């Protein structure tokens, strides 16, 4: 599950205090506020067996799964990103964040 506000109000919002640098990153690869569905679709397709790197469990029992690898972009350059998803009690995945990877 991906809350649309995470896209247009965070990952594509250059004025967001935490998401601004991420917005500039994603916009460099052709994503834009005019069509946030493109980024949503790419993020939803990112988790796979090939990109899975691990999971964490908090003291409260919250489970987060982490994926790293290329994300499909409009310009075809497909940079590597880390996506984090929270797993709820019914085993539904909820998007937490995406982080550009360098190196």
PDB file of N, CA and C in Angstrom:
ATOM      1  N   UNK A   1       0.852  -1.164   0.000  1.00  0.00           N
ATOM      2  CA  UNK A   1       0.000   0.000   0.000  1.00  0.00           C
ATOM      3  C   UNK A   1       0.902   1.231   0.000  1.00  0.00           C
ATOM      4  N   UNK A   2       0.549   2.200  -0.818  1.00  0.00           N
ATOM      5  CA  UNK A   2       1.346   3.401  -0.927  1.00  0.00           C
ATOM      6  C   UNK A   2       0.426   4.617  -0.840  1.00  0.00           C
ATOM      7  N   UNK A   3       0.566   5.392   0.215  1.00  0.00           N
ATOM      8  CA  UNK A   3      -0.237   6.595   0.415  1.00  0.00           C
ATOM      9  C   UNK A   3       0.201   7.641  -0.611  1.00  0.00           C
ATOM     10  N   UNK A   4      -0.709   8.135  -1.457  1.00  0.00           N
ATOM     11  CA  UNK A   4      -0.340   9.119  -2.479  1.00  0.00           C
ATOM     12  C   UNK A   4       0.313  10.371  -1.907  1.00  0.00           C
ATOM     13  N   UNK A   5       0.006  10.707  -0.660  1.00  0.00           N
ATOM     14  CA  UNK A   5       0.626  11.887  -0.039  1.00  0.00           C
ATOM     15  C   UNK A   5       2.125  11.709   0.149  1.00  0.00           C
ATOM     16  N   UNK A   6       2.585  10.446   0.236  1.00  0.00           N
ATOM     17  CA  UNK A   6       4.020  10.188   0.343  1.00  0.00           C
ATOM     18  C   UNK A   6       4.733  10.569  -0.953  1.00  0.00           C
ATOM     19  N   UNK A   7       4.004  10.538  -2.059  1.00  0.00           N
ATOM     20  CA  UNK A   7       4.607  10.877  -3.348  1.00  0.00           C
ATOM     21  C   UNK A   7       4.601  12.383  -3.554  1.00  0.00           C
ATOM     22  N   UNK A   8       3.411  12.968  -3.679  1.00  0.00           N
ATOM     23  CA  UNK A   8       3.360  14.391  -4.031  1.00  0.00           C
ATOM     24  C   UNK A   8       3.651  15.322  -2.861  1.00  0.00           C
ATOM     25  N   UNK A   9       3.488  14.862  -1.625  1.00  0.00           N
ATOM     26  CA  UNK A   9       3.747  15.714  -0.479  1.00  0.00           C
ATOM     27  C   UNK A   9       5.084  15.458   0.196  1.00  0.00           C
ATOM     28  N   UNK A  10       5.872  14.522  -0.358  1.00  0.00           N
ATOM     29  CA  UNK A  10       7.138  14.165   0.281  1.00  0.00           C
ATOM     30  C   UNK A  10       8.221  13.902  -0.770  1.00  0.00           C
ATOM     31  N   UNK A  11       8.090  12.814  -1.524  1.00  0.00           N
ATOM     32  CA  UNK A  11       9.159  12.428  -2.444  1.00  0.00           C
ATOM     33  C   UNK A  11       9.284  13.329  -3.665  1.00  0.00           C
ATOM     34  N   UNK A  12       8.233  14.057  -4.025  1.00  0.00           N
ATOM     35  CA  UNK A  12       8.323  14.962  -5.172  1.00  0.00           C
ATOM     36  C   UNK A  12       8.150  16.428  -4.768  1.00  0.00           C
ATOM     37  N   UNK A  13       8.235  16.704  -3.472  1.00  0.00           N
ATOM     38  CA  UNK A  13       8.067  18.068  -2.971  1.00  0.00           C
ATOM     39  C   UNK A  13       9.422  18.656  -2.599  1.00  0.00           C
ATOM     40  N   UNK A  14       9.956  19.508  -3.467  1.00  0.00           N
ATOM     41  CA  UNK A  14      11.275  20.091  -3.241  1.00  0.00           C
ATOM     42  C   UNK A  14      11.321  21.005  -2.020  1.00  0.00           C
ATOM     43  N   UNK A  15      10.174  21.432  -1.514  1.00  0.00           N
ATOM     44  CA  UNK A  15      10.157  22.309  -0.342  1.00  0.00           C
ATOM     45  C   UNK A  15      10.042  21.533   0.967  1.00  0.00           C
ATOM     46  N   UNK A  16       9.823  20.225   0.886  1.00  0.00           N
ATOM     47  CA  UNK A  16       9.689  19.397   2.092  1.00  0.00           C
ATOM     48  C   UNK A  16      11.034  19.337   2.812  1.00  0.00           C
ATOM     49  N   UNK A  17      11.027  19.539   4.118  1.00  0.00           N
ATOM     50  CA  UNK A  17      12.267  19.605   4.886  1.00  0.00           C
ATOM     51  C   UNK A  17      13.084  18.311   4.809  1.00  0.00           C
ATOM     52  N   UNK A  18      12.436  17.175   4.792  1.00  0.00           N
ATOM     53  CA  UNK A  18      13.149  15.896   4.695  1.00  0.00           C
ATOM     54  C   UNK A  18      13.158  15.347   3.276  1.00  0.00           C
ATOM     55  N   UNK A  19      12.107  15.627   2.514  1.00  0.00           N
ATOM     56  CA  UNK A  19      11.977  15.043   1.185  1.00  0.00           C
ATOM     57  C   UNK A  19      12.539  15.884   0.057  1.00  0.00           C
ATOM     58  N   UNK A  20      12.952  17.122   0.345  1.00  0.00           N
ATOM     59  CA  UNK A  20      13.418  18.017  -0.708  1.00  0.00           C
ATOM     60  C   UNK A  20      14.558  17.464  -1.537  1.00  0.00           C
ATOM     61  N   UNK A  21      15.566  16.911  -0.881  1.00  0.00           N
ATOM     62  CA  UNK A  21      16.697  16.354  -1.626  1.00  0.00           C
ATOM     63  C   UNK A  21      16.285  15.113  -2.410  1.00  0.00           C
ATOM     64  N   UNK A  22      15.347  14.354  -1.871  1.00  0.00           N
ATOM     65  CA  UNK A  22      14.830  13.181  -2.590  1.00  0.00           C
ATOM     66  C   UNK A  22      14.059  13.629  -3.818  1.00  0.00           C
ATOM     67  N   UNK A  23      13.286  14.704  -3.683  1.00  0.00           N
ATOM     68  CA  UNK A  23      12.521  15.233  -4.820  1.00  0.00           C
ATOM     69  C   UNK A  23      13.461  15.650  -5.938  1.00  0.00           C
ATOM     70  N   UNK A  24      14.533  16.338  -5.604  1.00  0.00           N
ATOM     71  CA  UNK A  24      15.496  16.747  -6.629  1.00  0.00           C
ATOM     72  C   UNK A  24      16.121  15.521  -7.293  1.00  0.00           C
ATOM     73  N   UNK A  25      16.410  14.487  -6.506  1.00  0.00           N
ATOM     74  CA  UNK A  25      16.954  13.249  -7.061  1.00  0.00           C
ATOM     75  C   UNK A  25      15.971  12.616  -8.046  1.00  0.00           C
ATOM     76  N   UNK A  26      14.738  12.387  -7.622  1.00  0.00           N
ATOM     77  CA  UNK A  26      13.765  11.723  -8.494  1.00  0.00           C
ATOM     78  C   UNK A  26      13.443  12.552  -9.740  1.00  0.00           C
ATOM     79  N   UNK A  27      13.398  13.850  -9.597  1.00  0.00           N
ATOM     80  CA  UNK A  27      13.109  14.707 -10.753  1.00  0.00           C
ATOM     81  C   UNK A  27      14.225  14.648 -11.790  1.00  0.00           C
ATOM     82  N   UNK A  28      15.468  14.428 -11.360  1.00  0.00           N
ATOM     83  CA  UNK A  28      16.586  14.295 -12.306  1.00  0.00           C
ATOM     84  C   UNK A  28      16.400  13.103 -13.236  1.00  0.00           C
ATOM     85  N   UNK A  29      15.611  12.135 -12.826  1.00  0.00           N
ATOM     86  CA  UNK A  29      15.411  10.923 -13.621  1.00  0.00           C
ATOM     87  C   UNK A  29      14.068  10.906 -14.341  1.00  0.00           C
ATOM     88  N   UNK A  30      13.392  12.070 -14.372  1.00  0.00           N
ATOM     89  CA  UNK A  30      12.176  12.205 -15.165  1.00  0.00           C
ATOM     90  C   UNK A  30      10.866  12.105 -14.413  1.00  0.00           C
ATOM     91  N   UNK A  31      10.913  11.851 -13.103  1.00  0.00           N
ATOM     92  CA  UNK A  31       9.673  11.835 -12.331  1.00  0.00           C
ATOM     93  C   UNK A  31       9.243  13.276 -12.082  1.00  0.00           C
ATOM     94  N   UNK A  32       7.945  13.503 -11.968  1.00  0.00           N
ATOM     95  CA  UNK A  32       7.495  14.854 -11.728  1.00  0.00           C
ATOM     96  C   UNK A  32       6.165  14.905 -10.998  1.00  0.00           C
ATOM     97  N   UNK A  33       5.914  16.048 -10.397  1.00  0.00           N
ATOM     98  CA  UNK A  33       4.690  16.268  -9.629  1.00  0.00           C
ATOM     99  C   UNK A  33       3.463  16.218 -10.530  1.00  0.00           C
ATOM    100  N   UNK A  34       3.651  16.458 -11.832  1.00  0.00           N
ATOM    101  CA  UNK A  34       2.531  16.444 -12.762  1.00  0.00           C
ATOM    102  C   UNK A  34       1.918  15.071 -12.964  1.00  0.00           C
ATOM    103  N   UNK A  35       2.686  14.024 -12.721  1.00  0.00           N
ATOM    104  CA  UNK A  35       2.175  12.661 -12.849  1.00  0.00           C
ATOM    105  C   UNK A  35       2.797  11.769 -11.776  1.00  0.00           C
ATOM    106  N   UNK A  36       2.347  11.934 -10.527  1.00  0.00           N
ATOM    107  CA  UNK A  36       2.933  11.159  -9.428  1.00  0.00           C
ATOM    108  C   UNK A  36       2.686   9.656  -9.542  1.00  0.00           C
ATOM    109  N   UNK A  37       1.722   9.255 -10.351  1.00  0.00           N
ATOM    110  CA  UNK A  37       1.438   7.831 -10.522  1.00  0.00           C
ATOM    111  C   UNK A  37       2.634   7.073 -11.108  1.00  0.00           C
ATOM    112  N   UNK A  38       3.433   7.753 -11.913  1.00  0.00           N
ATOM    113  CA  UNK A  38       4.606   7.092 -12.496  1.00  0.00           C
ATOM    114  C   UNK A  38       5.580   6.675 -11.398  1.00  0.00           C
ATOM    115  N   UNK A  39       5.852   7.567 -10.447  1.00  0.00           N
ATOM    116  CA  UNK A  39       6.745   7.211  -9.340  1.00  0.00           C
ATOM    117  C   UNK A  39       6.102   6.160  -8.447  1.00  0.00           C
ATOM    118  N   UNK A  40       4.823   6.284  -8.183  1.00  0.00           N
ATOM    119  CA  UNK A  40       4.122   5.273  -7.370  1.00  0.00           C
ATOM    120  C   UNK A  40       4.264   3.893  -7.984  1.00  0.00           C
ATOM    121  N   UNK A  41       4.047   3.807  -9.275  1.00  0.00           N
ATOM    122  CA  UNK A  41       4.132   2.524  -9.984  1.00  0.00           C
ATOM    123  C   UNK A  41       5.540   1.945  -9.888  1.00  0.00           C
ATOM    124  N   UNK A  42       6.545   2.785 -10.060  1.00  0.00           N
ATOM    125  CA  UNK A  42       7.932   2.317  -9.970  1.00  0.00           C
ATOM    126  C   UNK A  42       8.274   1.840  -8.557  1.00  0.00           C
ATOM    127  N   UNK A  43       7.795   2.562  -7.552  1.00  0.00           N
ATOM    128  CA  UNK A  43       8.062   2.159  -6.171  1.00  0.00           C
ATOM    129  C   UNK A  43       7.363   0.851  -5.827  1.00  0.00           C
ATOM    130  N   UNK A  44       6.139   0.692  -6.293  1.00  0.00           N
ATOM    131  CA  UNK A  44       5.407  -0.554  -6.019  1.00  0.00           C
ATOM    132  C   UNK A  44       6.056  -1.753  -6.697  1.00  0.00           C
ATOM    133  N   UNK A  45       6.745  -1.524  -7.809  1.00  0.00           N
ATOM    134  CA  UNK A  45       7.408  -2.615  -8.531  1.00  0.00           C
ATOM    135  C   UNK A  45       8.806  -2.909  -7.985  1.00  0.00           C
ATOM    136  N   UNK A  46       9.332  -2.041  -7.148  1.00  0.00           N
ATOM    137  CA  UNK A  46      10.704  -2.183  -6.660  1.00  0.00           C
ATOM    138  C   UNK A  46      10.939  -3.422  -5.791  1.00  0.00           C
ATOM    139  N   UNK A  47      10.072  -3.719  -4.827  1.00  0.00           N
ATOM    140  CA  UNK A  47      10.323  -4.910  -3.998  1.00  0.00           C
ATOM    141  C   UNK A  47      10.240  -6.200  -4.809  1.00  0.00           C
ATOM    142  N   UNK A  48      11.277  -7.003  -4.692  1.00  0.00           N
ATOM    143  CA  UNK A  48      11.298  -8.300  -5.363  1.00  0.00           C
ATOM    144  C   UNK A  48      12.290  -9.196  -4.630  1.00  0.00           C
ATOM    145  N   UNK A  49      12.308 -10.430  -5.007  1.00  0.00           N
ATOM    146  CA  UNK A  49      13.269 -11.363  -4.429  1.00  0.00           C
ATOM    147  C   UNK A  49      14.692 -10.903  -4.721  1.00  0.00           C
ATOM    148  N   UNK A  50      14.905 -10.319  -5.904  1.00  0.00           N
ATOM    149  CA  UNK A  50      16.237  -9.864  -6.302  1.00  0.00           C
ATOM    150  C   UNK A  50      16.704  -8.625  -5.546  1.00  0.00           C
ATOM    151  N   UNK A  51      15.775  -7.774  -5.090  1.00  0.00           N
ATOM    152  CA  UNK A  51      16.177  -6.533  -4.416  1.00  0.00           C
ATOM    153  C   UNK A  51      16.069  -6.623  -2.888  1.00  0.00           C
ATOM    154  N   UNK A  52      15.551  -7.718  -2.370  1.00  0.00           N
ATOM    155  CA  UNK A  52      15.408  -7.887  -0.918  1.00  0.00           C
ATOM    156  C   UNK A  52      16.786  -7.962  -0.265  1.00  0.00           C
ATOM    157  N   UNK A  53      16.999  -7.144   0.791  1.00  0.00           N
ATOM    158  CA  UNK A  53      18.277  -7.188   1.509  1.00  0.00           C
ATOM    159  C   UNK A  53      18.122  -7.550   2.979  1.00  0.00           C
ATOM    160  N   UNK A  54      16.928  -7.442   3.516  1.00  0.00           N
ATOM    161  CA  UNK A  54      16.762  -7.824   4.912  1.00  0.00           C
ATOM    162  C   UNK A  54      15.526  -7.232   5.547  1.00  0.00           C
ATOM    163  N   UNK A  55      15.407  -7.510   6.851  1.00  0.00           N
ATOM    164  CA  UNK A  55      14.278  -6.974   7.601  1.00  0.00           C
ATOM    165  C   UNK A  55      14.763  -6.575   8.982  1.00  0.00           C
ATOM    166  N   UNK A  56      13.987  -5.716   9.607  1.00  0.00           N
ATOM    167  CA  UNK A  56      14.260  -5.315  10.983  1.00  0.00           C
ATOM    168  C   UNK A  56      12.983  -5.522  11.779  1.00  0.00           C
ATOM    169  N   UNK A  57      13.162  -5.783  13.068  1.00  0.00           N
ATOM    170  CA  UNK A  57      12.026  -5.914  13.972  1.00  0.00           C
ATOM    171  C   UNK A  57      12.314  -5.017  15.167  1.00  0.00           C
ATOM    172  N   UNK A  58      11.414  -4.075  15.420  1.00  0.00           N
ATOM    173  CA  UNK A  58      11.608  -3.155  16.548  1.00  0.00           C
ATOM    174  C   UNK A  58      11.249  -3.851  17.856  1.00  0.00           C
ATOM    175  N   UNK A  59      11.555  -3.183  18.954  1.00  0.00           N
ATOM    176  CA  UNK A  59      11.224  -3.713  20.278  1.00  0.00           C
ATOM    177  C   UNK A  59       9.713  -3.905  20.423  1.00  0.00           C
ATOM    178  N   UNK A  60       8.937  -3.087  19.727  1.00  0.00           N
ATOM    179  CA  UNK A  60       7.466  -3.205  19.761  1.00  0.00           C
ATOM    180  C   UNK A  60       6.956  -4.316  18.846  1.00  0.00           C
ATOM    181  N   UNK A  61       7.849  -4.893  18.058  1.00  0.00           N
ATOM    182  CA  UNK A  61       7.437  -5.955  17.157  1.00  0.00           C
ATOM    183  C   UNK A  61       7.111  -5.486  15.753  1.00  0.00           C
ATOM    184  N   UNK A  62       7.337  -4.198  15.458  1.00  0.00           N
ATOM    185  CA  UNK A  62       7.099  -3.689  14.104  1.00  0.00           C
ATOM    186  C   UNK A  62       8.126  -4.286  13.151  1.00  0.00           C
ATOM    187  N   UNK A  63       7.655  -4.818  12.036  1.00  0.00           N
ATOM    188  CA  UNK A  63       8.529  -5.427  11.045  1.00  0.00           C
ATOM    189  C   UNK A  63       8.649  -4.488   9.847  1.00  0.00           C
ATOM    190  N   UNK A  64       9.894  -4.235   9.442  1.00  0.00           N
ATOM    191  CA  UNK A  64      10.157  -3.465   8.233  1.00  0.00           C
ATOM    192  C   UNK A  64      11.042  -4.300   7.328  1.00  0.00           C
ATOM    193  N   UNK A  65      10.729  -4.289   6.041  1.00  0.00           N
ATOM    194  CA  UNK A  65      11.542  -5.000   5.067  1.00  0.00           C
ATOM    195  C   UNK A  65      12.217  -3.966   4.169  1.00  0.00           C
ATOM    196  N   UNK A  66      13.430  -4.300   3.753  1.00  0.00           N
ATOM    197  CA  UNK A  66      14.272  -3.359   3.028  1.00  0.00           C
ATOM    198  C   UNK A  66      14.679  -3.982   1.691  1.00  0.00           C
ATOM    199  N   UNK A  67      14.587  -3.145   0.650  1.00  0.00           N
ATOM    200  CA  UNK A  67      14.938  -3.564  -0.698  1.00  0.00           C
ATOM    201  C   UNK A  67      15.915  -2.553  -1.277  1.00  0.00           C
ATOM    202  N   UNK A  68      16.917  -3.037  -2.003  1.00  0.00           N
ATOM    203  CA  UNK A  68      17.882  -2.155  -2.647  1.00  0.00           C
ATOM    204  C   UNK A  68      18.114  -2.637  -4.066  1.00  0.00           C
ATOM    205  N   UNK A  69      18.111  -1.677  -4.973  1.00  0.00           N
ATOM    206  CA  UNK A  69      18.372  -2.015  -6.365  1.00  0.00           C
ATOM    207  C   UNK A  69      17.837  -0.942  -7.283  1.00  0.00           C
ATOM    208  N   UNK A  70      17.900  -1.198  -8.580  1.00  0.00           N
ATOM    209  CA  UNK A  70      17.468  -0.194  -9.549  1.00  0.00           C
ATOM    210  C   UNK A  70      15.954   0.023  -9.503  1.00  0.00           C
ATOM    211  N   UNK A  71      15.573   1.248  -9.764  1.00  0.00           N
ATOM    212  CA  UNK A  71      14.160   1.601  -9.892  1.00  0.00           C
ATOM    213  C   UNK A  71      13.939   2.031 -11.339  1.00  0.00           C
ATOM    214  N   UNK A  72      12.855   1.592 -11.920  1.00  0.00           N
ATOM    215  CA  UNK A  72      12.537   1.962 -13.302  1.00  0.00           C
ATOM    216  C   UNK A  72      12.158   3.434 -13.347  1.00  0.00           C
ATOM    217  N   UNK A  73      12.835   4.180 -14.225  1.00  0.00           N
ATOM    218  CA  UNK A  73      12.613   5.619 -14.324  1.00  0.00           C
ATOM    219  C   UNK A  73      12.147   6.007 -15.724  1.00  0.00           C
ATOM    220  N   UNK A  74      11.489   7.162 -15.844  1.00  0.00           N
ATOM    221  CA  UNK A  74      11.030   7.616 -17.156  1.00  0.00           C
ATOM    222  C   UNK A  74      12.163   7.814 -18.163  1.00  0.00           C
ATOM    223  N   UNK A  75      13.345   8.227 -17.692  1.00  0.00           N
ATOM    224  CA  UNK A  75      14.433   8.465 -18.646  1.00  0.00           C
ATOM    225  C   UNK A  75      15.287   7.229 -18.910  1.00  0.00           C
ATOM    226  N   UNK A  76      14.983   6.105 -18.236  1.00  0.00           N
ATOM    227  CA  UNK A  76      15.660   4.846 -18.503  1.00  0.00           C
ATOM    228  C   UNK A  76      17.013   4.660 -17.827  1.00  0.00           C
ATOM    229  N   UNK A  77      17.455   5.615 -17.008  1.00  0.00           N
ATOM    230  CA  UNK A  77      18.766   5.456 -16.363  1.00  0.00           C
ATOM    231  C   UNK A  77      18.707   4.552 -15.138  1.00  0.00           C
ATOM    232  N   UNK A  78      17.553   4.392 -14.520  1.00  0.00           N
ATOM    233  CA  UNK A  78      17.292   3.417 -13.464  1.00  0.00           C
ATOM    234  C   UNK A  78      18.333   3.376 -12.340  1.00  0.00           C
ATOM    235  N   UNK A  79      18.426   4.459 -11.553  1.00  0.00           N
ATOM    236  CA  UNK A  79      19.385   4.491 -10.441  1.00  0.00           C
ATOM    237  C   UNK A  79      18.974   3.542  -9.317  1.00  0.00           C
ATOM    238  N   UNK A  80      19.932   3.247  -8.472  1.00  0.00           N
ATOM    239  CA  UNK A  80      19.655   2.369  -7.337  1.00  0.00           C
ATOM    240  C   UNK A  80      19.073   3.179  -6.179  1.00  0.00           C
ATOM    241  N   UNK A  81      18.055   2.596  -5.563  1.00  0.00           N
ATOM    242  CA  UNK A  81      17.429   3.195  -4.393  1.00  0.00           C
ATOM    243  C   UNK A  81      17.192   2.114  -3.344  1.00  0.00           C
ATOM    244  N   UNK A  82      16.997   2.562  -2.127  1.00  0.00           N
ATOM    245  CA  UNK A  82      16.576   1.674  -1.036  1.00  0.00           C
ATOM    246  C   UNK A  82      15.125   2.024  -0.742  1.00  0.00           C
ATOM    247  N   UNK A  83      14.255   1.023  -0.706  1.00  0.00           N
ATOM    248  CA  UNK A  83      12.886   1.260  -0.265  1.00  0.00           C
ATOM    249  C   UNK A  83      12.651   0.469   1.014  1.00  0.00           C
ATOM    250  N   UNK A  84      11.842   1.056   1.879  1.00  0.00           N
ATOM    251  CA  UNK A  84      11.520   0.441   3.165  1.00  0.00           C
ATOM    252  C   UNK A  84      10.004   0.318   3.252  1.00  0.00           C
ATOM    253  N   UNK A  85       9.547  -0.835   3.687  1.00  0.00           N
ATOM    254  CA  UNK A  85       8.118  -1.136   3.788  1.00  0.00           C
ATOM    255  C   UNK A  85       7.824  -1.694   5.170  1.00  0.00           C
ATOM    256  N   UNK A  86       6.762  -1.213   5.795  1.00  0.00           N
ATOM    257  CA  UNK A  86       6.324  -1.729   7.095  1.00  0.00           C
ATOM    258  C   UNK A  86       5.290  -2.823   6.843  1.00  0.00           C
ATOM    259  N   UNK A  87       5.412  -3.916   7.556  1.00  0.00           N
ATOM    260  CA  UNK A  87       4.479  -5.036   7.422  1.00  0.00           C
ATOM    261  C   UNK A  87       3.525  -4.993   8.607  1.00  0.00           C
ATOM    262  N   UNK A  88       2.228  -4.936   8.328  1.00  0.00           N
ATOM    263  CA  UNK A  88       1.263  -4.872   9.428  1.00  0.00           C
ATOM    264  C   UNK A  88       0.876  -6.273   9.898  1.00  0.00           C
ATOM    265  N   UNK A  89       0.007  -6.341  10.886  1.00  0.00           N
ATOM    266  CA  UNK A  89      -0.394  -7.615  11.494  1.00  0.00           C
ATOM    267  C   UNK A  89      -1.071  -8.558  10.512  1.00  0.00           C
ATOM    268  N   UNK A  90      -1.626  -8.018   9.434  1.00  0.00           N
ATOM    269  CA  UNK A  90      -2.282  -8.854   8.412  1.00  0.00           C
ATOM    270  C   UNK A  90      -1.354  -9.152   7.240  1.00  0.00           C
ATOM    271  N   UNK A  91      -0.083  -8.858   7.392  1.00  0.00           N
ATOM    272  CA  UNK A  91       0.944  -9.082   6.382  1.00  0.00           C
ATOM    273  C   UNK A  91       0.777  -8.200   5.146  1.00  0.00           C
ATOM    274  N   UNK A  92       0.153  -7.026   5.331  1.00  0.00           N
ATOM    275  CA  UNK A  92       0.088  -6.045   4.250  1.00  0.00           C
ATOM    276  C   UNK A  92       1.318  -5.154   4.346  1.00  0.00           C
ATOM    277  N   UNK A  93       1.891  -4.826   3.203  1.00  0.00           N
ATOM    278  CA  UNK A  93       3.064  -3.958   3.161  1.00  0.00           C
ATOM    279  C   UNK A  93       2.626  -2.509   2.974  1.00  0.00           C
ATOM    280  N   UNK A  94       3.232  -1.608   3.760  1.00  0.00           N
ATOM    281  CA  UNK A  94       2.944  -0.179   3.690  1.00  0.00           C
ATOM    282  C   UNK A  94       4.256   0.553   3.410  1.00  0.00           C
ATOM    283  N   UNK A  95       4.297   1.337   2.359  1.00  0.00           N
ATOM    284  CA  UNK A  95       5.485   2.081   1.989  1.00  0.00           C
ATOM    285  C   UNK A  95       5.877   3.057   3.093  1.00  0.00           C
ATOM    286  N   UNK A  96       7.170   3.048   3.453  1.00  0.00           N
ATOM    287  CA  UNK A  96       7.685   3.968   4.468  1.00  0.00           C
ATOM    288  C   UNK A  96       8.491   5.077   3.791  1.00  0.00           C
ATOM    289  N   UNK A  97       9.512   4.682   3.017  1.00  0.00           N
ATOM    290  CA  UNK A  97      10.366   5.687   2.378  1.00  0.00           C
ATOM    291  C   UNK A  97      11.180   5.087   1.247  1.00  0.00           C
ATOM    292  N   UNK A  98      11.751   5.976   0.461  1.00  0.00           N
ATOM    293  CA  UNK A  98      12.717   5.611  -0.576  1.00  0.00           C
ATOM    294  C   UNK A  98      13.914   6.522  -0.384  1.00  0.00           C
ATOM    295  N   UNK A  99      15.109   5.929  -0.493  1.00  0.00           N
ATOM    296  CA  UNK A  99      16.334   6.666  -0.276  1.00  0.00           C
ATOM    297  C   UNK A  99      17.269   6.422  -1.457  1.00  0.00           C
ATOM    298  N   UNK A 100      17.740   7.492  -2.095  1.00  0.00           N
ATOM    299  CA  UNK A 100      18.721   7.316  -3.174  1.00  0.00           C
ATOM    300  C   UNK A 100      19.990   6.651  -2.633  1.00  0.00           C
ATOM    301  N   UNK A 101      20.574   5.778  -3.415  1.00  0.00           N
ATOM    302  CA  UNK A 101      21.820   5.133  -3.033  1.00  0.00           C
ATOM    303  C   UNK A 101      22.937   5.689  -3.903  1.00  0.00           C
ATOM    304  N   UNK A 102      24.055   5.953  -3.295  1.00  0.00           N
ATOM    305  CA  UNK A 102      25.199   6.453  -4.043  1.00  0.00           C
ATOM    306  C   UNK A 102      26.319   5.436  -3.945  1.00  0.00           C
ATOM    307  N   UNK A 103      27.252   5.553  -4.856  1.00  0.00           N
ATOM    308  CA  UNK A 103      28.418   4.677  -4.798  1.00  0.00           C
ATOM    309  C   UNK A 103      28.327   3.643  -5.754  1.00  0.00           C
TER     310      UNK A 103
END
